[in-house]
Amino acid sequence: MFISYGQPEPVPRLGRRVLPWHLAGAFPTQDVEVWGSLTRYAASLDAEATAVDPQTGWVRVLDLHDHRIELSAGLRDQTLLNLSLTQESQGLWTYKSHLYECKDGGLSVVAGFPPPSLENPTGAPTAAIGAWFTFYRATDGSLVALEEANTGVSGGNMVFNKWWRWQRIE
């Protein structure tokens, strides 16, 4: 048994997570149209963040009680993305798009997303991170998610699981 000693490794810097990427359960090789819509939505948020008077992007998630969830996202009064997820288990190595399952009191989605530049040290233009996201509702009404990466980019930050939080918009 070996015990490491010395200074702990610094935690790598993280980029932001755009909620629809993770709720959509999309994969770049399977969902070209949805991937394009998600890319445009994220680019709109980036452009808005640098504006003089930035507005908040929004995401709406509706449980339709027929094992289907409707997801829409936009900026200001414009809807930029609409899609539907259905409840079904994900098989090992046979991931299907736009599926969710309920487990351990949360909503679990397997998804792919492009790594933020901070997490893509090689600058690979076609890189994608694959991860399991399990979403929970916090006591203050915000949405929290545990990200468990299963694929990533060379030199990236797959060394630990990450928790993310999104504020609820009234």
C-alpha atoms as a PDB file:
ATOM      1  CA  MET A   1       0.000   0.000   0.000  1.00  0.00           C
ATOM      2  CA  PHE A   2       1.318   3.423  -0.920  1.00  0.00           C
ATOM      3  CA  ILE A   3       0.313   6.622   0.772  1.00  0.00           C
ATOM      4  CA  SER A   4       0.877   9.820  -1.123  1.00  0.00           C
ATOM      5  CA  TYR A   5       2.435  12.721   0.684  1.00  0.00           C
ATOM      6  CA  GLY A   6       3.267  16.292  -0.129  1.00  0.00           C
ATOM      7  CA  GLN A   7       1.067  19.093  -1.315  1.00  0.00           C
ATOM      8  CA  PRO A   8      -2.362  18.106  -2.656  1.00  0.00           C
ATOM      9  CA  GLU A   9      -2.933  18.550  -6.369  1.00  0.00           C
ATOM     10  CA  PRO A  10      -4.840  21.758  -7.094  1.00  0.00           C
ATOM     11  CA  VAL A  11      -8.420  21.303  -8.237  1.00  0.00           C
ATOM     12  CA  PRO A  12      -8.597  22.027 -11.979  1.00  0.00           C
ATOM     13  CA  ARG A  13     -10.545  25.095 -13.041  1.00  0.00           C
ATOM     14  CA  LEU A  14     -14.011  24.362 -14.362  1.00  0.00           C
ATOM     15  CA  GLY A  15     -16.024  25.980 -17.118  1.00  0.00           C
ATOM     16  CA  ARG A  16     -19.712  26.620 -16.785  1.00  0.00           C
ATOM     17  CA  ARG A  17     -22.449  24.108 -17.485  1.00  0.00           C
ATOM     18  CA  VAL A  18     -25.346  25.088 -19.746  1.00  0.00           C
ATOM     19  CA  LEU A  19     -28.394  23.323 -18.296  1.00  0.00           C
ATOM     20  CA  PRO A  20     -30.117  22.258 -21.560  1.00  0.00           C
ATOM     21  CA  TRP A  21     -26.987  20.371 -22.712  1.00  0.00           C
ATOM     22  CA  HIS A  22     -27.325  18.077 -19.721  1.00  0.00           C
ATOM     23  CA  LEU A  23     -31.085  17.738 -19.622  1.00  0.00           C
ATOM     24  CA  ALA A  24     -31.351  17.017 -23.360  1.00  0.00           C
ATOM     25  CA  GLY A  25     -29.524  13.709 -23.187  1.00  0.00           C
ATOM     26  CA  ALA A  26     -28.080  14.342 -26.656  1.00  0.00           C
ATOM     27  CA  PHE A  27     -25.049  12.840 -28.362  1.00  0.00           C
ATOM     28  CA  PRO A  28     -23.126  14.561 -31.194  1.00  0.00           C
ATOM     29  CA  THR A  29     -23.137  11.528 -33.495  1.00  0.00           C
ATOM     30  CA  GLN A  30     -26.836  10.765 -33.045  1.00  0.00           C
ATOM     31  CA  ASP A  31     -28.528  14.167 -32.758  1.00  0.00           C
ATOM     32  CA  VAL A  32     -27.029  16.506 -35.311  1.00  0.00           C
ATOM     33  CA  GLU A  33     -30.071  18.816 -35.414  1.00  0.00           C
ATOM     34  CA  VAL A  34     -30.501  18.990 -31.620  1.00  0.00           C
ATOM     35  CA  TRP A  35     -26.732  19.374 -31.155  1.00  0.00           C
ATOM     36  CA  GLY A  36     -26.871  22.357 -33.546  1.00  0.00           C
ATOM     37  CA  SER A  37     -29.767  23.901 -31.604  1.00  0.00           C
ATOM     38  CA  LEU A  38     -27.933  23.448 -28.318  1.00  0.00           C
ATOM     39  CA  THR A  39     -24.794  24.991 -29.828  1.00  0.00           C
ATOM     40  CA  ARG A  40     -26.765  28.033 -31.028  1.00  0.00           C
ATOM     41  CA  TYR A  41     -28.437  28.399 -27.617  1.00  0.00           C
ATOM     42  CA  ALA A  42     -25.067  28.280 -25.803  1.00  0.00           C
ATOM     43  CA  ALA A  43     -23.569  30.770 -28.289  1.00  0.00           C
ATOM     44  CA  SER A  44     -26.507  33.136 -27.671  1.00  0.00           C
ATOM     45  CA  LEU A  45     -25.859  32.947 -23.933  1.00  0.00           C
ATOM     46  CA  ASP A  46     -22.150  33.662 -24.490  1.00  0.00           C
ATOM     47  CA  ALA A  47     -22.941  36.662 -26.691  1.00  0.00           C
ATOM     48  CA  GLU A  48     -25.486  37.930 -24.174  1.00  0.00           C
ATOM     49  CA  ALA A  49     -23.016  37.581 -21.288  1.00  0.00           C
ATOM     50  CA  THR A  50     -20.675  40.059 -22.984  1.00  0.00           C
ATOM     51  CA  ALA A  51     -23.454  42.549 -23.790  1.00  0.00           C
ATOM     52  CA  VAL A  52     -23.677  45.878 -21.965  1.00  0.00           C
ATOM     53  CA  ASP A  53     -27.041  44.977 -20.405  1.00  0.00           C
ATOM     54  CA  PRO A  54     -27.154  41.157 -20.299  1.00  0.00           C
ATOM     55  CA  GLN A  55     -30.465  39.356 -19.838  1.00  0.00           C
ATOM     56  CA  THR A  56     -30.962  35.974 -18.265  1.00  0.00           C
ATOM     57  CA  GLY A  57     -31.287  32.850 -20.334  1.00  0.00           C
ATOM     58  CA  TRP A  58     -34.100  30.594 -19.183  1.00  0.00           C
ATOM     59  CA  VAL A  59     -34.976  26.910 -19.178  1.00  0.00           C
ATOM     60  CA  ARG A  60     -38.460  25.474 -18.622  1.00  0.00           C
ATOM     61  CA  VAL A  61     -38.942  21.839 -17.646  1.00  0.00           C
ATOM     62  CA  LEU A  62     -42.468  20.411 -17.617  1.00  0.00           C
ATOM     63  CA  ASP A  63     -43.367  16.956 -16.306  1.00  0.00           C
ATOM     64  CA  LEU A  64     -46.300  15.844 -18.453  1.00  0.00           C
ATOM     65  CA  HIS A  65     -47.139  12.841 -16.212  1.00  0.00           C
ATOM     66  CA  ASP A  66     -47.158  10.423 -19.172  1.00  0.00           C
ATOM     67  CA  HIS A  67     -43.488   9.490 -18.666  1.00  0.00           C
ATOM     68  CA  ARG A  68     -42.510  12.454 -20.818  1.00  0.00           C
ATOM     69  CA  ILE A  69     -40.707  15.675 -19.984  1.00  0.00           C
ATOM     70  CA  GLU A  70     -40.856  18.755 -22.202  1.00  0.00           C
ATOM     71  CA  LEU A  71     -37.765  20.964 -22.225  1.00  0.00           C
ATOM     72  CA  SER A  72     -37.655  24.454 -23.699  1.00  0.00           C
ATOM     73  CA  ALA A  73     -34.952  27.102 -23.405  1.00  0.00           C
ATOM     74  CA  GLY A  74     -34.447  30.612 -24.639  1.00  0.00           C
ATOM     75  CA  LEU A  75     -33.218  34.113 -24.105  1.00  0.00           C
ATOM     76  CA  ARG A  76     -35.495  36.943 -23.024  1.00  0.00           C
ATOM     77  CA  ASP A  77     -38.863  36.337 -24.767  1.00  0.00           C
ATOM     78  CA  GLN A  78     -37.426  34.165 -27.547  1.00  0.00           C
ATOM     79  CA  THR A  79     -37.609  30.351 -27.419  1.00  0.00           C
ATOM     80  CA  LEU A  80     -34.496  28.851 -29.012  1.00  0.00           C
ATOM     81  CA  LEU A  81     -34.924  25.162 -28.176  1.00  0.00           C
ATOM     82  CA  ASN A  82     -37.770  22.669 -27.707  1.00  0.00           C
ATOM     83  CA  LEU A  83     -37.458  18.944 -27.159  1.00  0.00           C
ATOM     84  CA  SER A  84     -39.037  16.031 -25.385  1.00  0.00           C
ATOM     85  CA  LEU A  85     -37.527  13.330 -23.162  1.00  0.00           C
ATOM     86  CA  THR A  86     -39.123   9.981 -22.396  1.00  0.00           C
ATOM     87  CA  GLN A  87     -38.671   7.728 -19.398  1.00  0.00           C
ATOM     88  CA  GLU A  88     -36.623   4.636 -20.198  1.00  0.00           C
ATOM     89  CA  SER A  89     -33.552   2.939 -18.751  1.00  0.00           C
ATOM     90  CA  GLN A  90     -30.198   3.468 -20.419  1.00  0.00           C
ATOM     91  CA  GLY A  91     -28.440   0.233 -21.291  1.00  0.00           C
ATOM     92  CA  LEU A  92     -24.729  -0.116 -20.712  1.00  0.00           C
ATOM     93  CA  TRP A  93     -22.840   1.098 -23.834  1.00  0.00           C
ATOM     94  CA  THR A  94     -26.091   1.407 -25.817  1.00  0.00           C
ATOM     95  CA  TYR A  95     -27.043   4.980 -24.994  1.00  0.00           C
ATOM     96  CA  LYS A  96     -30.120   6.368 -26.696  1.00  0.00           C
ATOM     97  CA  SER A  97     -30.916  10.041 -26.977  1.00  0.00           C
ATOM     98  CA  HIS A  98     -33.502  12.018 -25.037  1.00  0.00           C
ATOM     99  CA  LEU A  99     -34.111   9.473 -22.280  1.00  0.00           C
ATOM    100  CA  TYR A 100     -34.317   9.878 -18.547  1.00  0.00           C
ATOM    101  CA  GLU A 101     -34.887   7.575 -15.629  1.00  0.00           C
ATOM    102  CA  CYS A 102     -35.872   8.205 -12.046  1.00  0.00           C
ATOM    103  CA  LYS A 103     -33.522   6.758  -9.475  1.00  0.00           C
ATOM    104  CA  ASP A 104     -32.462   7.510  -5.920  1.00  0.00           C
ATOM    105  CA  GLY A 105     -34.937  10.379  -5.693  1.00  0.00           C
ATOM    106  CA  GLY A 106     -33.513  12.178  -8.717  1.00  0.00           C
ATOM    107  CA  LEU A 107     -33.856  12.414 -12.462  1.00  0.00           C
ATOM    108  CA  SER A 108     -30.938  10.746 -14.229  1.00  0.00           C
ATOM    109  CA  VAL A 109     -29.859  11.578 -17.807  1.00  0.00           C
ATOM    110  CA  VAL A 110     -26.872  10.339 -19.805  1.00  0.00           C
ATOM    111  CA  ALA A 111     -25.605  13.164 -22.006  1.00  0.00           C
ATOM    112  CA  GLY A 112     -22.782  14.470 -24.121  1.00  0.00           C
ATOM    113  CA  PHE A 113     -21.650  18.081 -24.269  1.00  0.00           C
ATOM    114  CA  PRO A 114     -18.717  20.066 -25.646  1.00  0.00           C
ATOM    115  CA  PRO A 115     -16.126  20.807 -22.967  1.00  0.00           C
ATOM    116  CA  PRO A 116     -15.718  24.425 -21.915  1.00  0.00           C
ATOM    117  CA  SER A 117     -12.375  25.806 -23.093  1.00  0.00           C
ATOM    118  CA  LEU A 118     -10.990  25.646 -19.526  1.00  0.00           C
ATOM    119  CA  GLU A 119     -11.558  21.888 -19.593  1.00  0.00           C
ATOM    120  CA  ASN A 120     -10.188  21.319 -23.093  1.00  0.00           C
ATOM    121  CA  PRO A 121      -6.462  22.009 -22.683  1.00  0.00           C
ATOM    122  CA  THR A 122      -5.583  20.515 -26.067  1.00  0.00           C
ATOM    123  CA  GLY A 123      -8.132  22.719 -27.851  1.00  0.00           C
ATOM    124  CA  ALA A 124      -9.614  19.735 -29.718  1.00  0.00           C
ATOM    125  CA  PRO A 125     -12.413  21.249 -31.854  1.00  0.00           C
ATOM    126  CA  THR A 126     -14.579  18.110 -31.958  1.00  0.00           C
ATOM    127  CA  ALA A 127     -14.132  17.056 -28.324  1.00  0.00           C
ATOM    128  CA  ALA A 128     -17.134  15.947 -26.289  1.00  0.00           C
ATOM    129  CA  ILE A 129     -17.549  14.914 -22.685  1.00  0.00           C
ATOM    130  CA  GLY A 130     -19.939  12.094 -21.850  1.00  0.00           C
ATOM    131  CA  ALA A 131     -21.457  12.065 -18.378  1.00  0.00           C
ATOM    132  CA  TRP A 132     -24.274  10.868 -16.187  1.00  0.00           C
ATOM    133  CA  PHE A 133     -26.198  13.777 -14.684  1.00  0.00           C
ATOM    134  CA  THR A 134     -28.537  13.153 -11.766  1.00  0.00           C
ATOM    135  CA  PHE A 135     -30.755  16.151 -11.005  1.00  0.00           C
ATOM    136  CA  TYR A 136     -32.322  16.900  -7.635  1.00  0.00           C
ATOM    137  CA  ARG A 137     -34.493  19.735  -6.308  1.00  0.00           C
ATOM    138  CA  ALA A 138     -32.778  21.621  -3.461  1.00  0.00           C
ATOM    139  CA  THR A 139     -34.768  22.846  -0.464  1.00  0.00           C
ATOM    140  CA  ASP A 140     -34.543  26.450  -1.744  1.00  0.00           C
ATOM    141  CA  GLY A 141     -36.131  25.419  -5.077  1.00  0.00           C
ATOM    142  CA  SER A 142     -32.935  25.525  -7.123  1.00  0.00           C
ATOM    143  CA  LEU A 143     -31.881  22.609  -9.291  1.00  0.00           C
ATOM    144  CA  VAL A 144     -28.702  20.732  -8.386  1.00  0.00           C
ATOM    145  CA  ALA A 145     -26.979  18.012 -10.382  1.00  0.00           C
ATOM    146  CA  LEU A 146     -24.224  15.507  -9.799  1.00  0.00           C
ATOM    147  CA  GLU A 147     -22.004  15.137 -12.880  1.00  0.00           C
ATOM    148  CA  GLU A 148     -20.220  11.803 -13.187  1.00  0.00           C
ATOM    149  CA  ALA A 149     -18.028  11.949 -16.294  1.00  0.00           C
ATOM    150  CA  ASN A 150     -17.432   8.739 -18.225  1.00  0.00           C
ATOM    151  CA  THR A 151     -15.523  10.152 -21.209  1.00  0.00           C
ATOM    152  CA  GLY A 152     -13.552  13.341 -21.607  1.00  0.00           C
ATOM    153  CA  VAL A 153     -10.696  15.129 -23.298  1.00  0.00           C
ATOM    154  CA  SER A 154      -7.008  14.458 -22.877  1.00  0.00           C
ATOM    155  CA  GLY A 155      -5.682  16.428 -19.918  1.00  0.00           C
ATOM    156  CA  GLY A 156      -9.215  17.392 -18.831  1.00  0.00           C
ATOM    157  CA  ASN A 157     -10.757  17.189 -15.379  1.00  0.00           C
ATOM    158  CA  MET A 158     -12.348  13.749 -15.146  1.00  0.00           C
ATOM    159  CA  VAL A 159     -10.549  13.140 -11.860  1.00  0.00           C
ATOM    160  CA  PHE A 160     -13.580  13.855  -9.680  1.00  0.00           C
ATOM    161  CA  ASN A 161     -17.374  14.101  -9.713  1.00  0.00           C
ATOM    162  CA  LYS A 162     -18.797  17.597  -9.729  1.00  0.00           C
ATOM    163  CA  TRP A 163     -21.914  19.192  -8.246  1.00  0.00           C
ATOM    164  CA  TRP A 164     -23.662  22.025 -10.127  1.00  0.00           C
ATOM    165  CA  ARG A 165     -26.470  24.371  -9.095  1.00  0.00           C
ATOM    166  CA  TRP A 166     -28.894  26.467 -11.137  1.00  0.00           C
ATOM    167  CA  GLN A 167     -31.081  29.192  -9.594  1.00  0.00           C
ATOM    168  CA  ARG A 168     -34.833  28.983  -9.936  1.00  0.00           C
ATOM    169  CA  ILE A 169     -36.373  31.886 -11.878  1.00  0.00           C
ATOM    170  CA  GLU A 170     -39.749  33.017 -10.564  1.00  0.00           C
END
